[in-house]
PDB file of N, CA and C in Angstrom:
ATOM      1  N   UNK A   1       0.740  -1.080   0.054  1.00  0.00           N
ATOM      2  CA  UNK A   1      -0.261   0.323  -0.125  1.00  0.00           C
ATOM      3  C   UNK A   1       0.791   1.339  -0.197  1.00  0.00           C
ATOM      4  N   UNK A   2       2.061   1.191   0.835  1.00  0.00           N
ATOM      5  CA  UNK A   2       3.070   2.571   1.145  1.00  0.00           C
ATOM      6  C   UNK A   2       4.376   2.081   0.223  1.00  0.00           C
ATOM      7  N   UNK A   3       4.937   3.494  -0.221  1.00  0.00           N
ATOM      8  CA  UNK A   3       6.074   3.149  -0.483  1.00  0.00           C
ATOM      9  C   UNK A   3       6.760   4.343  -0.686  1.00  0.00           C
ATOM     10  N   UNK A   4       8.092   4.265  -0.341  1.00  0.00           N
ATOM     11  CA  UNK A   4       9.174   5.464  -0.084  1.00  0.00           C
ATOM     12  C   UNK A   4       9.906   5.377  -1.118  1.00  0.00           C
ATOM     13  N   UNK A   5       9.914   7.013  -1.920  1.00  0.00           N
ATOM     14  CA  UNK A   5      10.684   6.875  -3.197  1.00  0.00           C
ATOM     15  C   UNK A   5      12.474   7.187  -2.936  1.00  0.00           C
ATOM     16  N   UNK A   6      13.114   6.660  -3.609  1.00  0.00           N
ATOM     17  CA  UNK A   6      14.344   7.051  -2.964  1.00  0.00           C
ATOM     18  C   UNK A   6      14.903   8.732  -3.816  1.00  0.00           C
ATOM     19  N   UNK A   7      15.018   9.331  -3.076  1.00  0.00           N
ATOM     20  CA  UNK A   7      16.023  10.520  -3.571  1.00  0.00           C
ATOM     21  C   UNK A   7      17.490   9.749  -4.025  1.00  0.00           C
ATOM     22  N   UNK A   8      17.730   9.899  -5.816  1.00  0.00           N
ATOM     23  CA  UNK A   8      19.096   9.705  -6.211  1.00  0.00           C
ATOM     24  C   UNK A   8      19.862  11.154  -6.597  1.00  0.00           C
ATOM     25  N   UNK A   9      21.093  10.912  -6.163  1.00  0.00           N
ATOM     26  CA  UNK A   9      21.755  12.274  -6.795  1.00  0.00           C
ATOM     27  C   UNK A   9      21.124  12.863  -8.324  1.00  0.00           C
ATOM     28  N   UNK A  10      21.528  13.461  -8.564  1.00  0.00           N
ATOM     29  CA  UNK A  10      21.052  15.350  -8.192  1.00  0.00           C
ATOM     30  C   UNK A  10      19.959  15.436  -7.585  1.00  0.00           C
ATOM     31  N   UNK A  11      18.889  14.619  -7.492  1.00  0.00           N
ATOM     32  CA  UNK A  11      17.772  15.210  -7.037  1.00  0.00           C
ATOM     33  C   UNK A  11      17.892  15.887  -6.014  1.00  0.00           C
ATOM     34  N   UNK A  12      16.560  16.383  -5.560  1.00  0.00           N
ATOM     35  CA  UNK A  12      16.628  16.957  -4.299  1.00  0.00           C
ATOM     36  C   UNK A  12      15.307  16.094  -3.594  1.00  0.00           C
ATOM     37  N   UNK A  13      14.227  16.326  -4.409  1.00  0.00           N
ATOM     38  CA  UNK A  13      12.921  15.486  -3.557  1.00  0.00           C
ATOM     39  C   UNK A  13      12.328  15.110  -5.065  1.00  0.00           C
ATOM     40  N   UNK A  14      11.102  13.847  -4.321  1.00  0.00           N
ATOM     41  CA  UNK A  14      10.653  13.330  -5.611  1.00  0.00           C
ATOM     42  C   UNK A  14       9.617  12.712  -4.884  1.00  0.00           C
ATOM     43  N   UNK A  15       8.721  12.924  -5.372  1.00  0.00           N
ATOM     44  CA  UNK A  15       6.859  12.952  -5.368  1.00  0.00           C
ATOM     45  C   UNK A  15       6.493  11.581  -5.888  1.00  0.00           C
ATOM     46  N   UNK A  16       5.887  10.427  -4.521  1.00  0.00           N
ATOM     47  CA  UNK A  16       5.375   8.885  -5.306  1.00  0.00           C
ATOM     48  C   UNK A  16       4.253   9.203  -5.417  1.00  0.00           C
ATOM     49  N   UNK A  17       3.335   9.026  -6.657  1.00  0.00           N
ATOM     50  CA  UNK A  17       1.592   8.693  -6.462  1.00  0.00           C
ATOM     51  C   UNK A  17       1.431   7.619  -6.724  1.00  0.00           C
ATOM     52  N   UNK A  18       0.420   6.931  -5.147  1.00  0.00           N
ATOM     53  CA  UNK A  18       0.312   5.556  -5.719  1.00  0.00           C
ATOM     54  C   UNK A  18      -1.235   4.955  -6.339  1.00  0.00           C
ATOM     55  N   UNK A  19      -1.385   4.226  -6.902  1.00  0.00           N
ATOM     56  CA  UNK A  19      -2.453   3.642  -7.425  1.00  0.00           C
ATOM     57  C   UNK A  19      -3.968   4.181  -6.620  1.00  0.00           C
ATOM     58  N   UNK A  20      -4.594   4.531  -7.624  1.00  0.00           N
ATOM     59  CA  UNK A  20      -6.748   4.976  -6.974  1.00  0.00           C
ATOM     60  C   UNK A  20      -7.083   3.636  -6.691  1.00  0.00           C
ATOM     61  N   UNK A  21      -7.713   3.678  -5.751  1.00  0.00           N
ATOM     62  CA  UNK A  21      -8.188   2.338  -5.221  1.00  0.00           C
ATOM     63  C   UNK A  21      -9.664   2.731  -4.472  1.00  0.00           C
ATOM     64  N   UNK A  22     -10.719   1.956  -4.521  1.00  0.00           N
ATOM     65  CA  UNK A  22     -11.697   2.211  -3.890  1.00  0.00           C
ATOM     66  C   UNK A  22     -11.939   1.619  -2.511  1.00  0.00           C
ATOM     67  N   UNK A  23     -11.706   2.604  -1.400  1.00  0.00           N
ATOM     68  CA  UNK A  23     -12.020   2.159  -0.067  1.00  0.00           C
ATOM     69  C   UNK A  23     -13.138   2.956   0.479  1.00  0.00           C
ATOM     70  N   UNK A  24     -13.237   2.434   1.427  1.00  0.00           N
ATOM     71  CA  UNK A  24     -14.391   2.958   2.544  1.00  0.00           C
ATOM     72  C   UNK A  24     -13.711   3.806   3.553  1.00  0.00           C
ATOM     73  N   UNK A  25     -14.848   5.217   3.561  1.00  0.00           N
ATOM     74  CA  UNK A  25     -14.254   6.352   4.534  1.00  0.00           C
ATOM     75  C   UNK A  25     -15.898   7.294   4.857  1.00  0.00           C
ATOM     76  N   UNK A  26     -15.510   7.163   6.324  1.00  0.00           N
ATOM     77  CA  UNK A  26     -16.635   8.162   7.136  1.00  0.00           C
ATOM     78  C   UNK A  26     -16.458   9.464   6.395  1.00  0.00           C
ATOM     79  N   UNK A  27     -17.588  10.141   6.051  1.00  0.00           N
ATOM     80  CA  UNK A  27     -17.769  11.580   6.139  1.00  0.00           C
ATOM     81  C   UNK A  27     -19.164  11.675   6.523  1.00  0.00           C
ATOM     82  N   UNK A  28     -19.527  12.706   7.058  1.00  0.00           N
ATOM     83  CA  UNK A  28     -20.576  13.446   8.120  1.00  0.00           C
ATOM     84  C   UNK A  28     -21.111  12.029   8.365  1.00  0.00           C
ATOM     85  N   UNK A  29     -20.205  11.423   9.229  1.00  0.00           N
ATOM     86  CA  UNK A  29     -20.509  10.376   9.723  1.00  0.00           C
ATOM     87  C   UNK A  29     -21.256   9.128   9.538  1.00  0.00           C
ATOM     88  N   UNK A  30     -21.238   9.246   8.071  1.00  0.00           N
ATOM     89  CA  UNK A  30     -21.858   8.187   7.032  1.00  0.00           C
ATOM     90  C   UNK A  30     -20.531   7.500   6.124  1.00  0.00           C
ATOM     91  N   UNK A  31     -20.546   6.375   5.886  1.00  0.00           N
ATOM     92  CA  UNK A  31     -19.638   5.776   5.528  1.00  0.00           C
ATOM     93  C   UNK A  31     -20.105   5.274   4.144  1.00  0.00           C
ATOM     94  N   UNK A  32     -18.780   5.746   3.352  1.00  0.00           N
ATOM     95  CA  UNK A  32     -18.775   5.820   1.470  1.00  0.00           C
ATOM     96  C   UNK A  32     -17.780   5.532   1.211  1.00  0.00           C
ATOM     97  N   UNK A  33     -17.832   4.828   0.127  1.00  0.00           N
ATOM     98  CA  UNK A  33     -16.975   4.595  -0.804  1.00  0.00           C
ATOM     99  C   UNK A  33     -16.400   5.383  -1.483  1.00  0.00           C
ATOM    100  N   UNK A  34     -15.099   5.912  -1.528  1.00  0.00           N
ATOM    101  CA  UNK A  34     -14.505   7.109  -2.187  1.00  0.00           C
ATOM    102  C   UNK A  34     -13.398   5.885  -3.265  1.00  0.00           C
ATOM    103  N   UNK A  35     -12.638   6.600  -4.116  1.00  0.00           N
ATOM    104  CA  UNK A  35     -11.428   7.083  -4.720  1.00  0.00           C
ATOM    105  C   UNK A  35     -10.474   7.608  -3.714  1.00  0.00           C
ATOM    106  N   UNK A  36      -9.585   6.354  -3.143  1.00  0.00           N
ATOM    107  CA  UNK A  36      -8.036   7.218  -2.639  1.00  0.00           C
ATOM    108  C   UNK A  36      -6.940   6.482  -3.074  1.00  0.00           C
ATOM    109  N   UNK A  37      -5.996   7.480  -2.705  1.00  0.00           N
ATOM    110  CA  UNK A  37      -4.618   7.637  -3.260  1.00  0.00           C
ATOM    111  C   UNK A  37      -3.594   8.107  -2.213  1.00  0.00           C
ATOM    112  N   UNK A  38      -2.398   7.400  -2.325  1.00  0.00           N
ATOM    113  CA  UNK A  38      -1.697   8.005  -1.268  1.00  0.00           C
ATOM    114  C   UNK A  38      -0.106   8.834  -2.046  1.00  0.00           C
ATOM    115  N   UNK A  39       0.121   9.679  -0.798  1.00  0.00           N
ATOM    116  CA  UNK A  39       1.337  10.381  -1.800  1.00  0.00           C
ATOM    117  C   UNK A  39       2.224   9.848  -0.565  1.00  0.00           C
ATOM    118  N   UNK A  40       3.682   9.617  -1.311  1.00  0.00           N
ATOM    119  CA  UNK A  40       4.545  10.071  -0.375  1.00  0.00           C
ATOM    120  C   UNK A  40       5.601  10.726  -0.822  1.00  0.00           C
ATOM    121  N   UNK A  41       6.200  11.696  -0.271  1.00  0.00           N
ATOM    122  CA  UNK A  41       7.557  12.178  -0.396  1.00  0.00           C
ATOM    123  C   UNK A  41       8.490  12.360   0.002  1.00  0.00           C
ATOM    124  N   UNK A  42       9.494  11.929  -1.012  1.00  0.00           N
ATOM    125  CA  UNK A  42      10.806  12.127  -0.110  1.00  0.00           C
ATOM    126  C   UNK A  42      11.361  12.884  -0.260  1.00  0.00           C
ATOM    127  N   UNK A  43      12.230  13.524   0.281  1.00  0.00           N
ATOM    128  CA  UNK A  43      13.432  15.116   0.243  1.00  0.00           C
ATOM    129  C   UNK A  43      14.801  15.016   0.838  1.00  0.00           C
ATOM    130  N   UNK A  44      15.608  15.795   0.420  1.00  0.00           N
ATOM    131  CA  UNK A  44      16.806  15.989   1.354  1.00  0.00           C
ATOM    132  C   UNK A  44      17.249  17.266   2.101  1.00  0.00           C
ATOM    133  N   UNK A  45      16.839  16.870   3.702  1.00  0.00           N
ATOM    134  CA  UNK A  45      16.540  17.483   4.342  1.00  0.00           C
ATOM    135  C   UNK A  45      17.876  18.473   4.776  1.00  0.00           C
ATOM    136  N   UNK A  46      19.455  18.060   3.571  1.00  0.00           N
ATOM    137  CA  UNK A  46      19.865  19.154   3.520  1.00  0.00           C
ATOM    138  C   UNK A  46      19.559  20.527   2.638  1.00  0.00           C
ATOM    139  N   UNK A  47      18.514  20.022   2.164  1.00  0.00           N
ATOM    140  CA  UNK A  47      18.669  21.381   0.782  1.00  0.00           C
ATOM    141  C   UNK A  47      16.984  22.183   1.018  1.00  0.00           C
ATOM    142  N   UNK A  48      16.046  21.176   1.274  1.00  0.00           N
ATOM    143  CA  UNK A  48      14.696  21.448   1.445  1.00  0.00           C
ATOM    144  C   UNK A  48      14.223  21.499   2.783  1.00  0.00           C
ATOM    145  N   UNK A  49      13.865  22.365   3.618  1.00  0.00           N
ATOM    146  CA  UNK A  49      13.071  22.522   5.042  1.00  0.00           C
ATOM    147  C   UNK A  49      11.952  21.589   4.800  1.00  0.00           C
ATOM    148  N   UNK A  50      11.642  20.601   6.129  1.00  0.00           N
ATOM    149  CA  UNK A  50      10.665  20.078   6.687  1.00  0.00           C
ATOM    150  C   UNK A  50       9.294  20.864   6.054  1.00  0.00           C
ATOM    151  N   UNK A  51       9.538  21.833   6.645  1.00  0.00           N
ATOM    152  CA  UNK A  51       7.988  22.907   6.821  1.00  0.00           C
ATOM    153  C   UNK A  51       7.506  22.842   5.301  1.00  0.00           C
ATOM    154  N   UNK A  52       8.930  23.550   4.546  1.00  0.00           N
ATOM    155  CA  UNK A  52       8.210  23.578   2.924  1.00  0.00           C
ATOM    156  C   UNK A  52       7.622  22.531   2.488  1.00  0.00           C
ATOM    157  N   UNK A  53       8.533  21.455   2.340  1.00  0.00           N
ATOM    158  CA  UNK A  53       8.047  20.244   2.006  1.00  0.00           C
ATOM    159  C   UNK A  53       7.000  19.671   2.799  1.00  0.00           C
ATOM    160  N   UNK A  54       6.274  20.044   4.072  1.00  0.00           N
ATOM    161  CA  UNK A  54       5.209  19.533   4.559  1.00  0.00           C
ATOM    162  C   UNK A  54       4.031  20.671   3.739  1.00  0.00           C
ATOM    163  N   UNK A  55       3.995  21.788   3.393  1.00  0.00           N
ATOM    164  CA  UNK A  55       3.575  23.183   2.790  1.00  0.00           C
ATOM    165  C   UNK A  55       3.583  22.778   1.257  1.00  0.00           C
ATOM    166  N   UNK A  56       4.280  21.960   0.781  1.00  0.00           N
ATOM    167  CA  UNK A  56       4.248  21.531  -1.120  1.00  0.00           C
ATOM    168  C   UNK A  56       3.375  20.545  -0.741  1.00  0.00           C
ATOM    169  N   UNK A  57       3.232  19.236  -0.154  1.00  0.00           N
ATOM    170  CA  UNK A  57       2.451  17.887  -0.538  1.00  0.00           C
ATOM    171  C   UNK A  57       0.967  18.527   0.633  1.00  0.00           C
ATOM    172  N   UNK A  58       1.029  19.632   1.512  1.00  0.00           N
ATOM    173  CA  UNK A  58      -0.589  20.213   1.877  1.00  0.00           C
ATOM    174  C   UNK A  58      -1.416  20.624   0.148  1.00  0.00           C
ATOM    175  N   UNK A  59      -0.561  21.435  -0.223  1.00  0.00           N
ATOM    176  CA  UNK A  59      -1.375  22.271  -1.712  1.00  0.00           C
ATOM    177  C   UNK A  59      -1.568  20.914  -2.568  1.00  0.00           C
ATOM    178  N   UNK A  60      -0.487  20.029  -2.999  1.00  0.00           N
ATOM    179  CA  UNK A  60      -0.729  19.083  -3.845  1.00  0.00           C
ATOM    180  C   UNK A  60      -2.521  18.073  -3.669  1.00  0.00           C
ATOM    181  N   UNK A  61      -1.964  17.957  -2.570  1.00  0.00           N
ATOM    182  CA  UNK A  61      -3.321  17.616  -2.104  1.00  0.00           C
ATOM    183  C   UNK A  61      -4.738  17.855  -2.145  1.00  0.00           C
ATOM    184  N   UNK A  62      -4.390  19.784  -2.097  1.00  0.00           N
ATOM    185  CA  UNK A  62      -5.564  20.207  -2.037  1.00  0.00           C
ATOM    186  C   UNK A  62      -5.786  20.431  -3.040  1.00  0.00           C
ATOM    187  N   UNK A  63      -5.255  20.347  -3.746  1.00  0.00           N
ATOM    188  CA  UNK A  63      -5.097  20.799  -6.081  1.00  0.00           C
ATOM    189  C   UNK A  63      -6.159  19.573  -6.353  1.00  0.00           C
ATOM    190  N   UNK A  64      -5.513  18.443  -5.778  1.00  0.00           N
ATOM    191  CA  UNK A  64      -5.926  17.033  -6.368  1.00  0.00           C
ATOM    192  C   UNK A  64      -7.723  16.817  -5.652  1.00  0.00           C
ATOM    193  N   UNK A  65      -7.924  17.095  -4.330  1.00  0.00           N
ATOM    194  CA  UNK A  65      -8.971  17.104  -4.005  1.00  0.00           C
ATOM    195  C   UNK A  65     -10.290  17.911  -4.776  1.00  0.00           C
ATOM    196  N   UNK A  66      -9.876  19.373  -4.977  1.00  0.00           N
ATOM    197  CA  UNK A  66     -10.672  19.689  -5.865  1.00  0.00           C
ATOM    198  C   UNK A  66     -10.470  19.884  -7.600  1.00  0.00           C
ATOM    199  N   UNK A  67     -11.326  19.733  -8.412  1.00  0.00           N
ATOM    200  CA  UNK A  67     -11.059  19.252  -9.792  1.00  0.00           C
ATOM    201  C   UNK A  67     -11.346  20.667 -10.515  1.00  0.00           C
ATOM    202  N   UNK A  68     -12.036  21.694  -9.872  1.00  0.00           N
ATOM    203  CA  UNK A  68     -11.817  22.948 -10.251  1.00  0.00           C
ATOM    204  C   UNK A  68     -10.635  23.690  -9.770  1.00  0.00           C
ATOM    205  N   UNK A  69      -9.635  23.306  -9.151  1.00  0.00           N
ATOM    206  CA  UNK A  69      -8.543  24.432  -8.395  1.00  0.00           C
ATOM    207  C   UNK A  69      -7.433  23.066  -9.565  1.00  0.00           C
ATOM    208  N   UNK A  70      -7.699  21.894  -9.613  1.00  0.00           N
ATOM    209  CA  UNK A  70      -6.703  21.082 -10.659  1.00  0.00           C
ATOM    210  C   UNK A  70      -6.994  21.868 -12.036  1.00  0.00           C
ATOM    211  N   UNK A  71      -8.171  22.260 -12.265  1.00  0.00           N
ATOM    212  CA  UNK A  71      -8.139  22.823 -13.978  1.00  0.00           C
ATOM    213  C   UNK A  71      -7.571  24.099 -13.905  1.00  0.00           C
ATOM    214  N   UNK A  72      -7.665  24.924 -13.045  1.00  0.00           N
ATOM    215  CA  UNK A  72      -7.360  26.134 -12.988  1.00  0.00           C
ATOM    216  C   UNK A  72      -5.429  26.241 -12.746  1.00  0.00           C
ATOM    217  N   UNK A  73      -5.573  25.011 -12.470  1.00  0.00           N
ATOM    218  CA  UNK A  73      -3.535  25.375 -12.298  1.00  0.00           C
ATOM    219  C   UNK A  73      -3.025  24.499 -12.927  1.00  0.00           C
ATOM    220  N   UNK A  74      -3.642  23.881 -14.124  1.00  0.00           N
ATOM    221  CA  UNK A  74      -3.230  23.683 -15.461  1.00  0.00           C
ATOM    222  C   UNK A  74      -3.196  24.582 -16.480  1.00  0.00           C
ATOM    223  N   UNK A  75      -4.308  24.991 -16.339  1.00  0.00           N
ATOM    224  CA  UNK A  75      -4.792  26.060 -17.157  1.00  0.00           C
ATOM    225  C   UNK A  75      -4.084  27.710 -17.142  1.00  0.00           C
TER     226      UNK A  75
END
C-alpha cells in the first residue's frame, strides 16, 4: 500500500503517487466508498526545510481534491 521514493543524486526531492483504489471512508458520519490514493514525498533535508515540504504536499492534496482548482492550475 505504501512505498518510500528514493532520492538519487542530483535529485532534491521526489513525489510518489500511488494507485487509486476504492476504499470505505467516513464522511459526515456516514460510510462511503471513495477513490483514494496515497502520496509519498521524500526529500533531502540538507537542501529542503521540512516545513516547506509539508506545505508543498498539503497544496498538492488541496489541488487534487478539488477538480476546479486542478483545472485552474493546469490552464
